[in-house]
PDB file of N, CA and C in Angstrom:
ATOM      1  N   MET A   1     187.855 106.174  95.456  1.00  0.00           N
ATOM      2  CA  MET A   1     187.203 107.415  95.050  1.00  0.00           C
ATOM      3  C   MET A   1     186.008 107.068  94.168  1.00  0.00           C
ATOM      4  N   ILE A   2     184.905 107.779  94.385  1.00  0.00           N
ATOM      5  CA  ILE A   2     183.707 107.640  93.558  1.00  0.00           C
ATOM      6  C   ILE A   2     183.845 108.617  92.394  1.00  0.00           C
ATOM      7  N   VAL A   3     183.622 108.123  91.177  1.00  0.00           N
ATOM      8  CA  VAL A   3     183.742 108.960  89.984  1.00  0.00           C
ATOM      9  C   VAL A   3     182.362 109.099  89.345  1.00  0.00           C
ATOM     10  N   GLU A   4     181.945 110.350  89.132  1.00  0.00           N
ATOM     11  CA  GLU A   4     180.656 110.647  88.499  1.00  0.00           C
ATOM     12  C   GLU A   4     180.925 111.243  87.122  1.00  0.00           C
ATOM     13  N   THR A   5     180.479 110.556  86.060  1.00  0.00           N
ATOM     14  CA  THR A   5     180.732 111.028  84.695  1.00  0.00           C
ATOM     15  C   THR A   5     179.496 111.656  84.053  1.00  0.00           C
ATOM     16  N   THR A   6     178.426 111.809  84.798  1.00  0.00           N
ATOM     17  CA  THR A   6     177.249 112.523  84.293  1.00  0.00           C
ATOM     18  C   THR A   6     177.329 113.968  84.762  1.00  0.00           C
ATOM     19  N   ASP A   7     177.382 114.889  83.824  1.00  0.00           N
ATOM     20  CA  ASP A   7     177.455 116.315  84.166  1.00  0.00           C
ATOM     21  C   ASP A   7     176.196 116.671  84.972  1.00  0.00           C
ATOM     22  N   PRO A   8     176.348 117.158  86.219  1.00  0.00           N
ATOM     23  CA  PRO A   8     175.187 117.441  87.054  1.00  0.00           C
ATOM     24  C   PRO A   8     174.351 118.631  86.578  1.00  0.00           C
ATOM     25  N   ILE A   9     174.884 119.444  85.691  1.00  0.00           N
ATOM     26  CA  ILE A   9     174.147 120.595  85.171  1.00  0.00           C
ATOM     27  C   ILE A   9     173.364 120.212  83.915  1.00  0.00           C
ATOM     28  N   THR A  10     174.009 119.537  82.972  1.00  0.00           N
ATOM     29  CA  THR A  10     173.357 119.213  81.705  1.00  0.00           C
ATOM     30  C   THR A  10     172.673 117.852  81.729  1.00  0.00           C
ATOM     31  N   GLY A  11     173.123 116.966  82.601  1.00  0.00           N
ATOM     32  CA  GLY A  11     172.580 115.615  82.644  1.00  0.00           C
ATOM     33  C   GLY A  11     173.151 114.701  81.572  1.00  0.00           C
ATOM     34  N   HIS A  12     174.128 115.198  80.796  1.00  0.00           N
ATOM     35  CA  HIS A  12     174.731 114.405  79.732  1.00  0.00           C
ATOM     36  C   HIS A  12     175.926 113.613  80.262  1.00  0.00           C
ATOM     37  N   ASP A  13     176.153 112.452  79.661  1.00  0.00           N
ATOM     38  CA  ASP A  13     177.303 111.627  80.021  1.00  0.00           C
ATOM     39  C   ASP A  13     178.559 112.231  79.406  1.00  0.00           C
ATOM     40  N   VAL A  14     179.598 112.424  80.201  1.00  0.00           N
ATOM     41  CA  VAL A  14     180.861 112.995  79.727  1.00  0.00           C
ATOM     42  C   VAL A  14     181.712 111.852  79.193  1.00  0.00           C
ATOM     43  N   LYS A  15     182.082 111.917  77.916  1.00  0.00           N
ATOM     44  CA  LYS A  15     182.812 110.826  77.255  1.00  0.00           C
ATOM     45  C   LYS A  15     184.323 110.991  77.340  1.00  0.00           C
ATOM     46  N   ASP A  16     184.823 112.196  77.078  1.00  0.00           N
ATOM     47  CA  ASP A  16     186.274 112.432  77.003  1.00  0.00           C
ATOM     48  C   ASP A  16     186.800 112.871  78.369  1.00  0.00           C
ATOM     49  N   LEU A  17     186.985 111.910  79.266  1.00  0.00           N
ATOM     50  CA  LEU A  17     187.395 112.233  80.638  1.00  0.00           C
ATOM     51  C   LEU A  17     188.798 112.809  80.710  1.00  0.00           C
ATOM     52  N   GLU A  18     189.632 112.487  79.747  1.00  0.00           N
ATOM     53  CA  GLU A  18     191.008 112.977  79.754  1.00  0.00           C
ATOM     54  C   GLU A  18     191.086 114.491  79.587  1.00  0.00           C
ATOM     55  N   HIS A  19     190.115 115.069  78.863  1.00  0.00           N
ATOM     56  CA  HIS A  19     190.140 116.508  78.597  1.00  0.00           C
ATOM     57  C   HIS A  19     188.999 117.269  79.272  1.00  0.00           C
ATOM     58  N   ALA A  20     188.125 116.577  79.962  1.00  0.00           N
ATOM     59  CA  ALA A  20     186.963 117.219  80.583  1.00  0.00           C
ATOM     60  C   ALA A  20     187.343 117.888  81.904  1.00  0.00           C
ATOM     61  N   PRO A  21     186.743 119.059  82.188  1.00  0.00           N
ATOM     62  CA  PRO A  21     186.973 119.680  83.498  1.00  0.00           C
ATOM     63  C   PRO A  21     186.307 118.839  84.590  1.00  0.00           C
ATOM     64  N   TYR A  22     186.860 118.923  85.795  1.00  0.00           N
ATOM     65  CA  TYR A  22     186.307 118.163  86.916  1.00  0.00           C
ATOM     66  C   TYR A  22     186.635 118.849  88.225  1.00  0.00           C
ATOM     67  N   ILE A  23     185.958 118.412  89.284  1.00  0.00           N
ATOM     68  CA  ILE A  23     186.301 118.840  90.639  1.00  0.00           C
ATOM     69  C   ILE A  23     186.415 117.580  91.495  1.00  0.00           C
ATOM     70  N   ILE A  24     187.143 117.698  92.568  1.00  0.00           N
ATOM     71  CA  ILE A  24     187.217 116.629  93.554  1.00  0.00           C
ATOM     72  C   ILE A  24     186.691 117.194  94.859  1.00  0.00           C
ATOM     73  N   ASP A  25     185.680 116.527  95.403  1.00  0.00           N
ATOM     74  CA  ASP A  25     185.057 116.944  96.658  1.00  0.00           C
ATOM     75  C   ASP A  25     185.126 115.757  97.610  1.00  0.00           C
ATOM     76  N   GLY A  26     186.128 115.754  98.455  1.00  0.00           N
ATOM     77  CA  GLY A  26     186.331 114.624  99.359  1.00  0.00           C
ATOM     78  C   GLY A  26     186.675 113.381  98.571  1.00  0.00           C
ATOM     79  N   GLU A  27     185.813 112.385  98.639  1.00  0.00           N
ATOM     80  CA  GLU A  27     186.022 111.126  97.920  1.00  0.00           C
ATOM     81  C   GLU A  27     185.235 111.061  96.617  1.00  0.00           C
ATOM     82  N   LEU A  28     184.748 112.212  96.127  1.00  0.00           N
ATOM     83  CA  LEU A  28     183.923 112.255  94.925  1.00  0.00           C
ATOM     84  C   LEU A  28     184.590 113.102  93.848  1.00  0.00           C
ATOM     85  N   LYS A  29     184.756 112.519  92.656  1.00  0.00           N
ATOM     86  CA  LYS A  29     185.287 113.245  91.499  1.00  0.00           C
ATOM     87  C   LYS A  29     184.143 113.417  90.513  1.00  0.00           C
ATOM     88  N   ILE A  30     183.813 114.683  90.168  1.00  0.00           N
ATOM     89  CA  ILE A  30     182.695 114.992  89.284  1.00  0.00           C
ATOM     90  C   ILE A  30     183.229 115.619  87.996  1.00  0.00           C
ATOM     91  N   TYR A  31     182.880 115.000  86.854  1.00  0.00           N
ATOM     92  CA  TYR A  31     183.274 115.521  85.547  1.00  0.00           C
ATOM     93  C   TYR A  31     182.165 116.397  84.968  1.00  0.00           C
ATOM     94  N   PHE A  32     182.576 117.374  84.144  1.00  0.00           N
ATOM     95  CA  PHE A  32     181.662 118.310  83.507  1.00  0.00           C
ATOM     96  C   PHE A  32     181.909 118.340  82.008  1.00  0.00           C
ATOM     97  N   GLU A  33     180.863 118.674  81.244  1.00  0.00           N
ATOM     98  CA  GLU A  33     181.000 118.800  79.787  1.00  0.00           C
ATOM     99  C   GLU A  33     181.838 120.009  79.401  1.00  0.00           C
ATOM    100  N   SER A  34     181.763 121.071  80.201  1.00  0.00           N
ATOM    101  CA  SER A  34     182.461 122.316  79.862  1.00  0.00           C
ATOM    102  C   SER A  34     182.830 123.071  81.120  1.00  0.00           C
ATOM    103  N   GLU A  35     183.707 124.040  80.944  1.00  0.00           N
ATOM    104  CA  GLU A  35     184.068 124.922  82.058  1.00  0.00           C
ATOM    105  C   GLU A  35     182.856 125.730  82.513  1.00  0.00           C
ATOM    106  N   ASP A  36     181.980 126.086  81.569  1.00  0.00           N
ATOM    107  CA  ASP A  36     180.777 126.831  81.919  1.00  0.00           C
ATOM    108  C   ASP A  36     179.878 125.998  82.832  1.00  0.00           C
ATOM    109  N   SER A  37     179.720 124.746  82.498  1.00  0.00           N
ATOM    110  CA  SER A  37     178.904 123.847  83.321  1.00  0.00           C
ATOM    111  C   SER A  37     179.515 123.693  84.717  1.00  0.00           C
ATOM    112  N   LYS A  38     180.827 123.578  84.766  1.00  0.00           N
ATOM    113  CA  LYS A  38     181.537 123.476  86.056  1.00  0.00           C
ATOM    114  C   LYS A  38     181.318 124.745  86.874  1.00  0.00           C
ATOM    115  N   ARG A  39     181.420 125.901  86.225  1.00  0.00           N
ATOM    116  CA  ARG A  39     181.222 127.183  86.921  1.00  0.00           C
ATOM    117  C   ARG A  39     179.814 127.275  87.485  1.00  0.00           C
ATOM    118  N   GLN A  40     178.820 126.898  86.688  1.00  0.00           N
ATOM    119  CA  GLN A  40     177.438 126.938  87.158  1.00  0.00           C
ATOM    120  C   GLN A  40     177.254 126.049  88.389  1.00  0.00           C
ATOM    121  N   PHE A  41     177.854 124.891  88.362  1.00  0.00           N
ATOM    122  CA  PHE A  41     177.759 123.969  89.498  1.00  0.00           C
ATOM    123  C   PHE A  41     178.385 124.581  90.747  1.00  0.00           C
ATOM    124  N   LEU A  42     179.557 125.181  90.591  1.00  0.00           N
ATOM    125  CA  LEU A  42     180.258 125.760  91.739  1.00  0.00           C
ATOM    126  C   LEU A  42     179.549 126.989  92.298  1.00  0.00           C
ATOM    127  N   GLU A  43     178.682 127.627  91.485  1.00  0.00           N
ATOM    128  CA  GLU A  43     177.946 128.804  91.946  1.00  0.00           C
ATOM    129  C   GLU A  43     176.685 128.450  92.729  1.00  0.00           C
ATOM    130  N   ILE A  44     176.306 127.183  92.749  1.00  0.00           N
ATOM    131  CA  ILE A  44     175.119 126.767  93.498  1.00  0.00           C
ATOM    132  C   ILE A  44     175.413 126.902  94.988  1.00  0.00           C
ATOM    133  N   GLU A  45     174.554 127.632  95.691  1.00  0.00           N
ATOM    134  CA  GLU A  45     174.756 127.836  97.120  1.00  0.00           C
ATOM    135  C   GLU A  45     174.496 126.541  97.885  1.00  0.00           C
ATOM    136  N   VAL A  46     175.306 126.312  98.882  1.00  0.00           N
ATOM    137  CA  VAL A  46     175.181 125.121  99.713  1.00  0.00           C
ATOM    138  C   VAL A  46     174.412 125.479 100.973  1.00  0.00           C
ATOM    139  N   GLU A  47     173.458 124.643 101.329  1.00  0.00           N
ATOM    140  CA  GLU A  47     172.726 124.860 102.568  1.00  0.00           C
ATOM    141  C   GLU A  47     173.554 124.352 103.739  1.00  0.00           C
ATOM    142  N   HIS A  48     173.455 125.050 104.852  1.00  0.00           N
ATOM    143  CA  HIS A  48     174.155 124.651 106.071  1.00  0.00           C
ATOM    144  C   HIS A  48     173.136 124.509 107.192  1.00  0.00           C
ATOM    145  N   PRO A  49     172.501 123.336 107.258  1.00  0.00           N
ATOM    146  CA  PRO A  49     171.501 123.146 108.322  1.00  0.00           C
ATOM    147  C   PRO A  49     172.093 123.441 109.696  1.00  0.00           C
ATOM    148  N   GLY A  50     171.334 124.133 110.486  1.00  0.00           N
ATOM    149  CA  GLY A  50     171.812 124.500 111.816  1.00  0.00           C
ATOM    150  C   GLY A  50     172.471 125.860 111.838  1.00  0.00           C
ATOM    151  N   GLU A  51     172.974 126.315 110.693  1.00  0.00           N
ATOM    152  CA  GLU A  51     173.597 127.631 110.612  1.00  0.00           C
ATOM    153  C   GLU A  51     172.687 128.614 109.869  1.00  0.00           C
ATOM    154  N   ASP A  52     171.820 128.105 109.005  1.00  0.00           N
ATOM    155  CA  ASP A  52     170.978 128.963 108.169  1.00  0.00           C
ATOM    156  C   ASP A  52     169.664 129.361 108.836  1.00  0.00           C
ATOM    157  N   PHE A  53     169.350 128.804 109.993  1.00  0.00           N
ATOM    158  CA  PHE A  53     168.067 129.073 110.623  1.00  0.00           C
ATOM    159  C   PHE A  53     168.087 130.412 111.358  1.00  0.00           C
ATOM    160  N   GLU A  54     167.088 131.243 111.068  1.00  0.00           N
ATOM    161  CA  GLU A  54     166.958 132.506 111.771  1.00  0.00           C
ATOM    162  C   GLU A  54     165.960 132.409 112.911  1.00  0.00           C
ATOM    163  N   HIS A  55     165.075 131.398 112.847  1.00  0.00           N
ATOM    164  CA  HIS A  55     164.028 131.259 113.846  1.00  0.00           C
ATOM    165  C   HIS A  55     164.074 129.866 114.446  1.00  0.00           C
ATOM    166  N   SER A  56     163.822 129.775 115.720  1.00  0.00           N
ATOM    167  CA  SER A  56     163.742 128.485 116.391  1.00  0.00           C
ATOM    168  C   SER A  56     162.339 127.915 116.210  1.00  0.00           C
ATOM    169  N   LEU A  57     162.263 126.628 115.926  1.00  0.00           N
ATOM    170  CA  LEU A  57     160.968 125.968 115.784  1.00  0.00           C
ATOM    171  C   LEU A  57     160.581 125.252 117.072  1.00  0.00           C
ATOM    172  N   ASP A  58     161.330 125.470 118.125  1.00  0.00           N
ATOM    173  CA  ASP A  58     161.041 124.845 119.406  1.00  0.00           C
ATOM    174  C   ASP A  58     159.727 125.395 119.963  1.00  0.00           C
ATOM    175  N   ASN A  59     158.947 124.516 120.552  1.00  0.00           N
ATOM    176  CA  ASN A  59     157.693 124.912 121.175  1.00  0.00           C
ATOM    177  C   ASN A  59     157.820 124.633 122.670  1.00  0.00           C
ATOM    178  N   PRO A  60     158.143 125.638 123.464  1.00  0.00           N
ATOM    179  CA  PRO A  60     158.359 125.415 124.888  1.00  0.00           C
ATOM    180  C   PRO A  60     157.061 125.252 125.689  1.00  0.00           C
ATOM    181  N   ALA A  61     155.922 125.448 125.057  1.00  0.00           N
ATOM    182  CA  ALA A  61     154.639 125.334 125.769  1.00  0.00           C
ATOM    183  C   ALA A  61     154.303 123.864 126.014  1.00  0.00           C
ATOM    184  N   PRO A  62     153.622 123.564 127.131  1.00  0.00           N
ATOM    185  CA  PRO A  62     153.194 122.183 127.380  1.00  0.00           C
ATOM    186  C   PRO A  62     152.307 121.686 126.233  1.00  0.00           C
ATOM    187  N   MET A  63     152.472 120.418 125.874  1.00  0.00           N
ATOM    188  CA  MET A  63     151.746 119.849 124.752  1.00  0.00           C
ATOM    189  C   MET A  63     150.427 119.197 125.160  1.00  0.00           C
ATOM    190  N   GLY A  64     150.110 119.184 126.437  1.00  0.00           N
ATOM    191  CA  GLY A  64     148.860 118.600 126.889  1.00  0.00           C
ATOM    192  C   GLY A  64     148.987 118.140 128.320  1.00  0.00           C
ATOM    193  N   PRO A  65     147.909 117.629 128.877  1.00  0.00           N
ATOM    194  CA  PRO A  65     147.933 117.169 130.272  1.00  0.00           C
ATOM    195  C   PRO A  65     149.003 116.080 130.477  1.00  0.00           C
ATOM    196  N   GLY A  66     149.803 116.237 131.503  1.00  0.00           N
ATOM    197  CA  GLY A  66     150.822 115.251 131.836  1.00  0.00           C
ATOM    198  C   GLY A  66     152.100 115.349 131.031  1.00  0.00           C
ATOM    199  N   ASP A  67     152.230 116.351 130.170  1.00  0.00           N
ATOM    200  CA  ASP A  67     153.440 116.493 129.368  1.00  0.00           C
ATOM    201  C   ASP A  67     154.532 117.130 130.215  1.00  0.00           C
ATOM    202  N   SER A  68     155.472 116.314 130.671  1.00  0.00           N
ATOM    203  CA  SER A  68     156.554 116.827 131.519  1.00  0.00           C
ATOM    204  C   SER A  68     157.757 117.270 130.689  1.00  0.00           C
ATOM    205  N   LEU A  69     157.805 116.896 129.411  1.00  0.00           N
ATOM    206  CA  LEU A  69     158.952 117.271 128.572  1.00  0.00           C
ATOM    207  C   LEU A  69     158.938 118.733 128.203  1.00  0.00           C
ATOM    208  N   HIS A  70     157.771 119.325 128.079  1.00  0.00           N
ATOM    209  CA  HIS A  70     157.664 120.703 127.614  1.00  0.00           C
ATOM    210  C   HIS A  70     157.099 121.646 128.670  1.00  0.00           C
ATOM    211  N   SER A  71     157.180 121.275 129.904  1.00  0.00           N
ATOM    212  CA  SER A  71     156.606 122.161 130.931  1.00  0.00           C
ATOM    213  C   SER A  71     157.606 123.159 131.425  1.00  0.00           C
TER     214      SER A  71
END
């Protein structure tokens, strides 16, 4: 397991790991200075590439003479 002792919200090093709040995300354990800092972290929205797109960026038009990929 990877252990991160720098609070991702405050940027401060967490010293008292025995009493500090933390989360486990897969193989990553993240410590926080406070419950408030932990809450702020958990409230950050996660992007879901491929699910968040409302518009396609595909260009189906030919890209130039001899372009057989987009014809």
